[in-house]
Protein backbone atom coordinates (compact mmCIF):
# COMPACT_ATOMS: atom_id res chain seq x y z
CA MET A 1 62.51 -70.49 -5.09
CA GLN A 2 60.19 -70.28 -1.94
CA THR A 3 61.39 -68.40 1.21
CA VAL A 4 61.23 -69.29 4.57
CA SER A 5 60.89 -67.14 7.41
CA ILE A 6 63.50 -66.07 10.12
CA LYS A 7 60.40 -66.73 12.46
CA GLU A 8 60.18 -70.27 10.78
CA GLU A 9 63.89 -71.22 10.64
CA ALA A 10 64.26 -70.07 15.09
CA HIS A 11 62.01 -73.28 14.99
CA ARG A 12 63.29 -75.69 13.26
CA LEU A 13 66.19 -74.88 14.75
CA VAL A 14 64.52 -74.92 18.44
CA ASP A 15 62.69 -78.36 17.00
CA LYS A 16 65.89 -79.98 16.25
CA LEU A 17 68.04 -79.36 19.54
CA PRO A 18 67.43 -81.75 21.88
CA GLU A 19 65.34 -81.93 25.15
CA GLU A 20 68.29 -81.27 27.31
CA SER A 21 69.82 -78.73 25.25
CA THR A 22 70.94 -74.83 27.66
CA TRP A 23 71.09 -71.93 26.20
CA ASP A 24 74.16 -71.23 25.16
CA ASP A 25 73.60 -74.80 23.09
CA LEU A 26 70.37 -72.32 21.51
CA MET A 27 72.34 -69.19 21.11
CA TYR A 28 75.29 -70.99 19.66
CA GLU A 29 72.87 -73.03 16.39
CA ILE A 30 71.78 -69.16 16.01
CA TYR A 31 75.36 -67.56 15.28
CA VAL A 32 76.49 -70.25 13.26
CA ARG A 33 73.01 -70.04 10.74
CA GLN A 34 74.61 -66.71 10.63
CA ALA A 35 78.00 -66.56 9.88
CA VAL A 36 77.08 -69.90 7.33
CA GLU A 37 74.23 -67.57 5.81
CA SER A 38 76.51 -63.92 6.19
CA GLY A 39 79.47 -65.81 4.38
CA LEU A 40 77.46 -67.33 1.49
CA GLU A 41 75.64 -63.44 0.43
CA ASP A 42 79.86 -62.27 0.70
CA SER A 43 80.32 -65.05 -1.52
CA LYS A 44 77.75 -63.63 -3.70
CA ALA A 45 79.03 -60.34 -4.43
CA GLY A 46 82.47 -61.30 -4.27
CA ARG A 47 83.44 -60.05 -0.86
CA THR A 48 86.10 -62.81 -1.02
CA THR A 49 90.29 -63.22 -0.36
CA ASP A 50 91.58 -65.31 -2.60
CA LEU A 51 93.10 -68.51 -0.51
CA GLY A 52 96.73 -68.22 -1.68
CA GLU A 53 96.28 -64.14 -0.71
CA VAL A 54 95.28 -64.63 2.55
CA ARG A 55 98.08 -67.63 3.29
CA GLU A 56 100.90 -65.12 2.00
CA LYS A 57 99.85 -62.61 4.09
CA PHE A 58 99.76 -64.12 6.64
CA GLY A 59 102.87 -66.33 5.83
CA LEU A 60 101.77 -69.52 5.85
CA PRO A 61 102.92 -72.24 3.53
CA LYS A 62 101.30 -73.01 0.55
């Protein structure tokens, strides 16, 4: 599997944005991308909590 550099991915994110995008739009896209990648890494490393445990902890219905 070929890894793509952050710089290349940043270019792709910018290229996908509409012309009228703001700095906030770009920052949001970067934030979402980083959050998803972080979550996937946590999942691979076993750093997750079962949904039932979370619901019980916060008193939410199952």
